[in-house]
Amino acid sequence: MPRPRKGRIVCCLPMVSRFGPADTIAHDGDVVMTVEEYETIRLLDLEGFTQEEAAEQMAVARTTVQRMYANARKKIAHVLFAGLTLRIEGGDYEVNSIAERGYRCRRCRGVGKGEGRGQGRGLGRGPGRKLE
């Protein structure tokens, strides 16, 4: 009997789970990327983590991150060059519990969404600053 797979930790689910050509209606050419593969792309390419840091964040081995990253990049390349649709769904993962892990991505921290740390917490109640 195979060893049970350990759920990988992801920060949050993608806001958009389908990408593809605007003129495509049929779902014949969909390529499915797992949520964990999406998370490795986010951590390594967007957040700038090393593979070791990403592995620690996802609670897996570095070689697992390396394998998921390679699979994700191959799927992205296939979708781009064949003009297919990419769907992000499925996998074996757990959504990050902030209290347990301590790390939050830019989206979960509210970066760029007016949830700052200043006087009005980005709600327009602070003194603001002049744009010159």
N, C-alpha and C. Protein backbone atom coordinates (compact mmCIF):
# COMPACT_ATOMS: atom_id res chain seq x y z
N MET A 1 0.85 -1.17 0.00
CA MET A 1 0.00 0.00 0.00
C MET A 1 0.90 1.24 0.00
N PRO A 2 0.63 2.22 -0.89
CA PRO A 2 1.47 3.42 -0.95
C PRO A 2 1.28 4.30 0.28
N ARG A 3 2.31 5.03 0.56
CA ARG A 3 2.28 5.95 1.69
C ARG A 3 1.29 7.08 1.41
N PRO A 4 0.48 7.49 2.40
CA PRO A 4 -0.48 8.58 2.15
C PRO A 4 0.24 9.90 1.89
N ARG A 5 -0.29 10.67 0.94
CA ARG A 5 0.33 11.95 0.60
C ARG A 5 0.00 12.98 1.66
N LYS A 6 0.99 13.80 1.95
CA LYS A 6 0.84 14.87 2.92
C LYS A 6 0.30 16.11 2.19
N GLY A 7 -0.72 16.74 2.75
CA GLY A 7 -1.27 17.94 2.13
C GLY A 7 -0.26 19.07 2.11
N ARG A 8 -0.12 19.72 0.97
CA ARG A 8 0.81 20.84 0.84
C ARG A 8 0.10 22.11 1.32
N ILE A 9 0.86 23.03 1.89
CA ILE A 9 0.30 24.27 2.41
C ILE A 9 0.31 25.33 1.29
N VAL A 10 -0.84 25.94 1.03
CA VAL A 10 -0.92 27.06 0.11
C VAL A 10 -1.47 28.26 0.86
N CYS A 11 -1.03 29.45 0.49
CA CYS A 11 -1.44 30.66 1.20
C CYS A 11 -2.92 30.95 0.99
N CYS A 12 -3.35 30.95 -0.25
CA CYS A 12 -4.75 31.24 -0.56
C CYS A 12 -5.05 30.70 -1.96
N LEU A 13 -6.31 30.55 -2.24
CA LEU A 13 -6.71 30.05 -3.55
C LEU A 13 -6.63 31.17 -4.59
N PRO A 14 -6.40 30.82 -5.85
CA PRO A 14 -6.30 31.86 -6.89
C PRO A 14 -7.60 32.63 -7.05
N MET A 15 -7.48 33.92 -7.33
CA MET A 15 -8.67 34.75 -7.55
C MET A 15 -9.32 34.40 -8.89
N VAL A 16 -8.52 34.03 -9.86
CA VAL A 16 -9.01 33.63 -11.18
C VAL A 16 -8.48 32.23 -11.44
N SER A 17 -9.35 31.34 -11.86
CA SER A 17 -8.91 29.95 -12.02
C SER A 17 -8.94 29.48 -13.47
N ARG A 18 -9.21 30.38 -14.41
CA ARG A 18 -9.26 29.99 -15.82
C ARG A 18 -8.61 31.08 -16.66
N PHE A 19 -7.65 30.67 -17.49
CA PHE A 19 -6.94 31.60 -18.37
C PHE A 19 -6.89 31.00 -19.76
N GLY A 20 -7.07 31.83 -20.76
CA GLY A 20 -6.96 31.32 -22.12
C GLY A 20 -7.34 32.36 -23.14
N PRO A 21 -7.30 31.98 -24.40
CA PRO A 21 -7.66 32.90 -25.48
C PRO A 21 -9.11 33.36 -25.33
N ALA A 22 -9.36 34.62 -25.61
CA ALA A 22 -10.70 35.19 -25.46
C ALA A 22 -11.70 34.56 -26.41
N ASP A 23 -11.25 34.10 -27.56
CA ASP A 23 -12.17 33.56 -28.56
C ASP A 23 -12.40 32.06 -28.44
N THR A 24 -11.94 31.44 -27.37
CA THR A 24 -12.10 30.00 -27.20
C THR A 24 -13.34 29.70 -26.37
N ILE A 25 -14.22 28.88 -26.92
CA ILE A 25 -15.43 28.46 -26.21
C ILE A 25 -15.29 27.01 -25.76
N ALA A 26 -14.78 26.14 -26.62
CA ALA A 26 -14.68 24.71 -26.32
C ALA A 26 -13.70 24.45 -25.18
N HIS A 27 -13.99 23.40 -24.43
CA HIS A 27 -13.14 23.02 -23.30
C HIS A 27 -12.30 21.78 -23.61
N ASP A 28 -12.19 21.44 -24.90
CA ASP A 28 -11.44 20.25 -25.29
C ASP A 28 -9.96 20.38 -24.95
N GLY A 29 -9.41 21.57 -25.13
CA GLY A 29 -7.98 21.75 -24.97
C GLY A 29 -7.58 22.30 -23.62
N ASP A 30 -8.38 22.11 -22.59
CA ASP A 30 -8.02 22.62 -21.28
C ASP A 30 -6.85 21.85 -20.69
N VAL A 31 -5.92 22.60 -20.10
CA VAL A 31 -4.81 22.01 -19.36
C VAL A 31 -5.07 22.35 -17.90
N VAL A 32 -5.00 21.35 -17.03
CA VAL A 32 -5.28 21.56 -15.61
C VAL A 32 -3.99 21.66 -14.83
N MET A 33 -3.85 22.76 -14.10
CA MET A 33 -2.72 22.96 -13.18
C MET A 33 -3.28 22.84 -11.77
N THR A 34 -2.60 22.08 -10.92
CA THR A 34 -3.09 21.94 -9.55
C THR A 34 -2.83 23.23 -8.77
N VAL A 35 -3.53 23.38 -7.68
CA VAL A 35 -3.36 24.56 -6.83
C VAL A 35 -1.94 24.61 -6.28
N GLU A 36 -1.35 23.46 -5.98
CA GLU A 36 0.03 23.44 -5.46
C GLU A 36 1.03 23.90 -6.52
N GLU A 37 0.82 23.50 -7.77
CA GLU A 37 1.70 23.95 -8.85
C GLU A 37 1.59 25.47 -9.01
N TYR A 38 0.37 25.97 -8.93
CA TYR A 38 0.14 27.42 -8.98
C TYR A 38 0.88 28.11 -7.84
N GLU A 39 0.83 27.53 -6.66
CA GLU A 39 1.49 28.12 -5.48
C GLU A 39 3.01 28.17 -5.67
N THR A 40 3.59 27.14 -6.28
CA THR A 40 5.05 27.18 -6.50
C THR A 40 5.42 28.30 -7.48
N ILE A 41 4.62 28.50 -8.51
CA ILE A 41 4.87 29.61 -9.44
C ILE A 41 4.78 30.94 -8.69
N ARG A 42 3.77 31.08 -7.85
CA ARG A 42 3.59 32.32 -7.09
C ARG A 42 4.76 32.57 -6.15
N LEU A 43 5.15 31.55 -5.41
CA LEU A 43 6.23 31.72 -4.43
C LEU A 43 7.58 32.00 -5.10
N LEU A 44 7.92 31.22 -6.12
CA LEU A 44 9.23 31.34 -6.74
C LEU A 44 9.33 32.54 -7.68
N ASP A 45 8.35 32.72 -8.54
CA ASP A 45 8.44 33.76 -9.56
C ASP A 45 7.91 35.12 -9.09
N LEU A 46 6.82 35.13 -8.35
CA LEU A 46 6.23 36.40 -7.93
C LEU A 46 6.83 36.91 -6.62
N GLU A 47 6.90 36.05 -5.62
CA GLU A 47 7.40 36.46 -4.30
C GLU A 47 8.92 36.43 -4.21
N GLY A 48 9.59 35.73 -5.14
CA GLY A 48 11.05 35.70 -5.15
C GLY A 48 11.68 34.77 -4.13
N PHE A 49 10.94 33.78 -3.67
CA PHE A 49 11.48 32.81 -2.72
C PHE A 49 12.50 31.91 -3.41
N THR A 50 13.42 31.38 -2.64
CA THR A 50 14.27 30.30 -3.14
C THR A 50 13.46 29.01 -3.06
N GLN A 51 13.96 27.96 -3.68
CA GLN A 51 13.25 26.68 -3.60
C GLN A 51 13.20 26.18 -2.16
N GLU A 52 14.25 26.42 -1.41
CA GLU A 52 14.28 26.00 -0.01
C GLU A 52 13.22 26.74 0.81
N GLU A 53 13.12 28.06 0.59
CA GLU A 53 12.13 28.86 1.32
C GLU A 53 10.71 28.45 0.93
N ALA A 54 10.49 28.19 -0.35
CA ALA A 54 9.17 27.76 -0.80
C ALA A 54 8.82 26.40 -0.21
N ALA A 55 9.80 25.51 -0.15
CA ALA A 55 9.57 24.19 0.43
C ALA A 55 9.17 24.30 1.90
N GLU A 56 9.86 25.17 2.62
CA GLU A 56 9.53 25.38 4.04
C GLU A 56 8.12 25.96 4.18
N GLN A 57 7.79 26.92 3.33
CA GLN A 57 6.47 27.55 3.37
C GLN A 57 5.35 26.54 3.08
N MET A 58 5.60 25.64 2.14
CA MET A 58 4.59 24.67 1.74
C MET A 58 4.64 23.39 2.56
N ALA A 59 5.61 23.27 3.44
CA ALA A 59 5.78 22.09 4.31
C ALA A 59 6.03 20.82 3.49
N VAL A 60 6.92 20.93 2.49
CA VAL A 60 7.32 19.79 1.67
C VAL A 60 8.83 19.83 1.47
N ALA A 61 9.36 18.81 0.83
CA ALA A 61 10.79 18.76 0.53
C ALA A 61 11.11 19.68 -0.66
N ARG A 62 12.35 20.15 -0.72
CA ARG A 62 12.78 21.01 -1.82
C ARG A 62 12.61 20.31 -3.16
N THR A 63 12.89 19.01 -3.20
CA THR A 63 12.75 18.27 -4.46
C THR A 63 11.30 18.22 -4.92
N THR A 64 10.37 18.22 -3.98
CA THR A 64 8.94 18.26 -4.33
C THR A 64 8.59 19.59 -4.96
N VAL A 65 9.10 20.68 -4.38
CA VAL A 65 8.87 22.01 -4.95
C VAL A 65 9.47 22.07 -6.35
N GLN A 66 10.68 21.55 -6.50
CA GLN A 66 11.36 21.55 -7.79
C GLN A 66 10.53 20.81 -8.84
N ARG A 67 9.99 19.66 -8.48
CA ARG A 67 9.18 18.87 -9.41
C ARG A 67 7.87 19.59 -9.76
N MET A 68 7.18 20.15 -8.75
CA MET A 68 5.92 20.85 -9.01
C MET A 68 6.16 22.09 -9.89
N TYR A 69 7.26 22.79 -9.64
CA TYR A 69 7.61 23.99 -10.41
C TYR A 69 7.88 23.63 -11.87
N ALA A 70 8.62 22.56 -12.09
CA ALA A 70 8.92 22.12 -13.46
C ALA A 70 7.63 21.72 -14.18
N ASN A 71 6.74 21.00 -13.50
CA ASN A 71 5.46 20.62 -14.10
C ASN A 71 4.62 21.84 -14.44
N ALA A 72 4.58 22.82 -13.53
CA ALA A 72 3.78 24.03 -13.75
C ALA A 72 4.31 24.82 -14.94
N ARG A 73 5.61 24.97 -15.02
CA ARG A 73 6.20 25.73 -16.14
C ARG A 73 5.94 25.03 -17.47
N LYS A 74 6.02 23.72 -17.48
CA LYS A 74 5.75 22.96 -18.70
C LYS A 74 4.30 23.16 -19.15
N LYS A 75 3.38 23.16 -18.19
CA LYS A 75 1.97 23.36 -18.51
C LYS A 75 1.72 24.77 -19.04
N ILE A 76 2.35 25.76 -18.42
CA ILE A 76 2.19 27.15 -18.88
C ILE A 76 2.71 27.30 -20.31
N ALA A 77 3.88 26.73 -20.58
CA ALA A 77 4.46 26.81 -21.93
C ALA A 77 3.55 26.13 -22.95
N HIS A 78 3.01 24.97 -22.59
CA HIS A 78 2.12 24.24 -23.49
C HIS A 78 0.88 25.07 -23.81
N VAL A 79 0.28 25.67 -22.78
CA VAL A 79 -0.91 26.49 -22.96
C VAL A 79 -0.62 27.69 -23.86
N LEU A 80 0.49 28.36 -23.61
CA LEU A 80 0.83 29.56 -24.39
C LEU A 80 1.08 29.25 -25.86
N PHE A 81 1.84 28.21 -26.12
CA PHE A 81 2.22 27.93 -27.50
C PHE A 81 1.16 27.17 -28.29
N ALA A 82 0.27 26.46 -27.61
CA ALA A 82 -0.78 25.72 -28.31
C ALA A 82 -2.10 26.49 -28.32
N GLY A 83 -2.16 27.63 -27.62
CA GLY A 83 -3.38 28.43 -27.60
C GLY A 83 -4.51 27.75 -26.85
N LEU A 84 -4.18 27.05 -25.79
CA LEU A 84 -5.18 26.32 -25.01
C LEU A 84 -5.63 27.14 -23.80
N THR A 85 -6.55 26.57 -23.04
CA THR A 85 -7.05 27.20 -21.82
C THR A 85 -6.42 26.52 -20.62
N LEU A 86 -6.01 27.32 -19.64
CA LEU A 86 -5.43 26.79 -18.40
C LEU A 86 -6.46 26.92 -17.29
N ARG A 87 -6.72 25.80 -16.61
CA ARG A 87 -7.60 25.81 -15.44
C ARG A 87 -6.76 25.47 -14.22
N ILE A 88 -6.97 26.18 -13.13
CA ILE A 88 -6.28 25.90 -11.87
C ILE A 88 -7.30 25.30 -10.93
N GLU A 89 -7.10 24.04 -10.62
CA GLU A 89 -8.06 23.34 -9.75
C GLU A 89 -7.46 22.04 -9.25
N GLY A 90 -8.04 21.54 -8.19
CA GLY A 90 -7.65 20.24 -7.66
C GLY A 90 -6.31 20.21 -6.98
N GLY A 91 -5.92 19.02 -6.60
CA GLY A 91 -4.65 18.82 -5.92
C GLY A 91 -4.85 18.32 -4.51
N ASP A 92 -3.78 18.26 -3.78
CA ASP A 92 -3.79 17.76 -2.41
C ASP A 92 -3.15 18.85 -1.54
N TYR A 93 -3.95 19.76 -1.03
CA TYR A 93 -3.42 20.92 -0.34
C TYR A 93 -4.29 21.32 0.84
N GLU A 94 -3.72 22.15 1.71
CA GLU A 94 -4.43 22.78 2.81
C GLU A 94 -4.20 24.27 2.68
N VAL A 95 -5.25 25.06 2.89
CA VAL A 95 -5.09 26.51 2.84
C VAL A 95 -4.43 26.96 4.13
N ASN A 96 -3.44 27.84 4.00
CA ASN A 96 -2.64 28.35 5.10
C ASN A 96 -3.49 28.90 6.24
N SER A 97 -3.16 28.48 7.45
CA SER A 97 -3.75 29.08 8.64
C SER A 97 -2.77 30.14 9.12
N ILE A 98 -3.17 31.39 9.06
CA ILE A 98 -2.29 32.51 9.39
C ILE A 98 -1.71 32.36 10.79
N ALA A 99 -2.52 31.95 11.73
CA ALA A 99 -2.04 31.84 13.11
C ALA A 99 -0.93 30.80 13.24
N GLU A 100 -1.03 29.72 12.47
CA GLU A 100 -0.04 28.66 12.56
C GLU A 100 1.25 28.99 11.82
N ARG A 101 1.15 29.52 10.60
CA ARG A 101 2.32 29.65 9.73
C ARG A 101 2.99 31.02 9.79
N GLY A 102 2.22 32.07 10.04
CA GLY A 102 2.81 33.40 10.16
C GLY A 102 3.05 34.13 8.86
N TYR A 103 3.13 33.47 7.73
CA TYR A 103 3.39 34.13 6.45
C TYR A 103 2.08 34.36 5.72
N ARG A 104 1.96 35.53 5.10
CA ARG A 104 0.81 35.82 4.24
C ARG A 104 1.32 36.46 2.96
N CYS A 105 0.71 36.10 1.84
CA CYS A 105 1.11 36.67 0.56
C CYS A 105 0.64 38.12 0.47
N ARG A 106 1.06 38.81 -0.57
CA ARG A 106 0.71 40.22 -0.75
C ARG A 106 -0.81 40.40 -0.80
N ARG A 107 -1.51 39.49 -1.45
CA ARG A 107 -2.96 39.61 -1.55
C ARG A 107 -3.62 39.43 -0.19
N CYS A 108 -3.16 38.45 0.59
CA CYS A 108 -3.75 38.20 1.91
C CYS A 108 -3.40 39.32 2.90
N ARG A 109 -2.25 39.95 2.71
CA ARG A 109 -1.86 41.07 3.58
C ARG A 109 -2.59 42.34 3.18
N GLY A 110 -3.20 42.36 2.00
CA GLY A 110 -3.92 43.54 1.55
C GLY A 110 -3.04 44.58 0.89
N VAL A 111 -1.84 44.21 0.46
CA VAL A 111 -0.96 45.17 -0.20
C VAL A 111 -1.63 45.67 -1.47
N GLY A 112 -1.69 46.98 -1.59
CA GLY A 112 -2.29 47.58 -2.78
C GLY A 112 -3.80 47.65 -2.74
N LYS A 113 -4.41 47.31 -1.61
CA LYS A 113 -5.87 47.33 -1.52
C LYS A 113 -6.36 48.33 -0.47
N GLY A 114 -5.53 49.29 -0.11
CA GLY A 114 -5.97 50.30 0.83
C GLY A 114 -6.04 49.82 2.26
N GLU A 115 -5.36 48.77 2.61
CA GLU A 115 -5.37 48.26 3.97
C GLU A 115 -4.03 48.54 4.63
N GLY A 116 -3.59 49.78 4.54
CA GLY A 116 -2.29 50.15 5.06
C GLY A 116 -2.23 50.16 6.58
N ARG A 117 -1.05 50.53 7.10
CA ARG A 117 -0.86 50.54 8.54
C ARG A 117 -0.97 51.94 9.12
N GLY A 118 -1.22 52.92 8.29
CA GLY A 118 -1.21 54.31 8.74
C GLY A 118 -2.43 54.67 9.57
N GLN A 119 -2.56 55.96 9.81
CA GLN A 119 -3.58 56.50 10.70
C GLN A 119 -4.99 56.03 10.32
N GLY A 120 -5.34 56.12 9.07
CA GLY A 120 -6.68 55.74 8.66
C GLY A 120 -6.76 54.33 8.10
N ARG A 121 -5.68 53.57 8.19
CA ARG A 121 -5.60 52.21 7.66
C ARG A 121 -6.07 52.16 6.21
N GLY A 122 -5.75 53.21 5.45
CA GLY A 122 -6.06 53.21 4.02
C GLY A 122 -7.51 53.50 3.70
N LEU A 123 -8.27 53.98 4.67
CA LEU A 123 -9.68 54.22 4.45
C LEU A 123 -9.99 55.69 4.18
N GLY A 124 -8.96 56.48 3.87
CA GLY A 124 -9.18 57.88 3.53
C GLY A 124 -9.35 58.79 4.73
N ARG A 125 -8.96 58.35 5.92
CA ARG A 125 -9.13 59.16 7.11
C ARG A 125 -7.83 59.82 7.58
N GLY A 126 -6.74 59.49 6.95
CA GLY A 126 -5.45 60.05 7.36
C GLY A 126 -5.18 61.38 6.68
N PRO A 127 -4.06 62.03 7.04
CA PRO A 127 -3.74 63.32 6.45
C PRO A 127 -3.36 63.22 4.97
N GLY A 128 -3.00 62.03 4.52
CA GLY A 128 -2.62 61.85 3.12
C GLY A 128 -1.29 62.50 2.81
N ARG A 129 -0.96 62.55 1.53
CA ARG A 129 0.27 63.21 1.11
C ARG A 129 0.02 63.84 -0.25
N LYS A 130 0.74 64.90 -0.48
CA LYS A 130 0.56 65.63 -1.74
C LYS A 130 1.33 64.94 -2.85
N LEU A 131 0.70 64.83 -3.97
CA LEU A 131 1.36 64.31 -5.16
C LEU A 131 1.87 65.50 -5.95
N GLU A 132 3.12 65.47 -6.28
CA GLU A 132 3.70 66.60 -7.01
C GLU A 132 4.03 66.23 -8.42
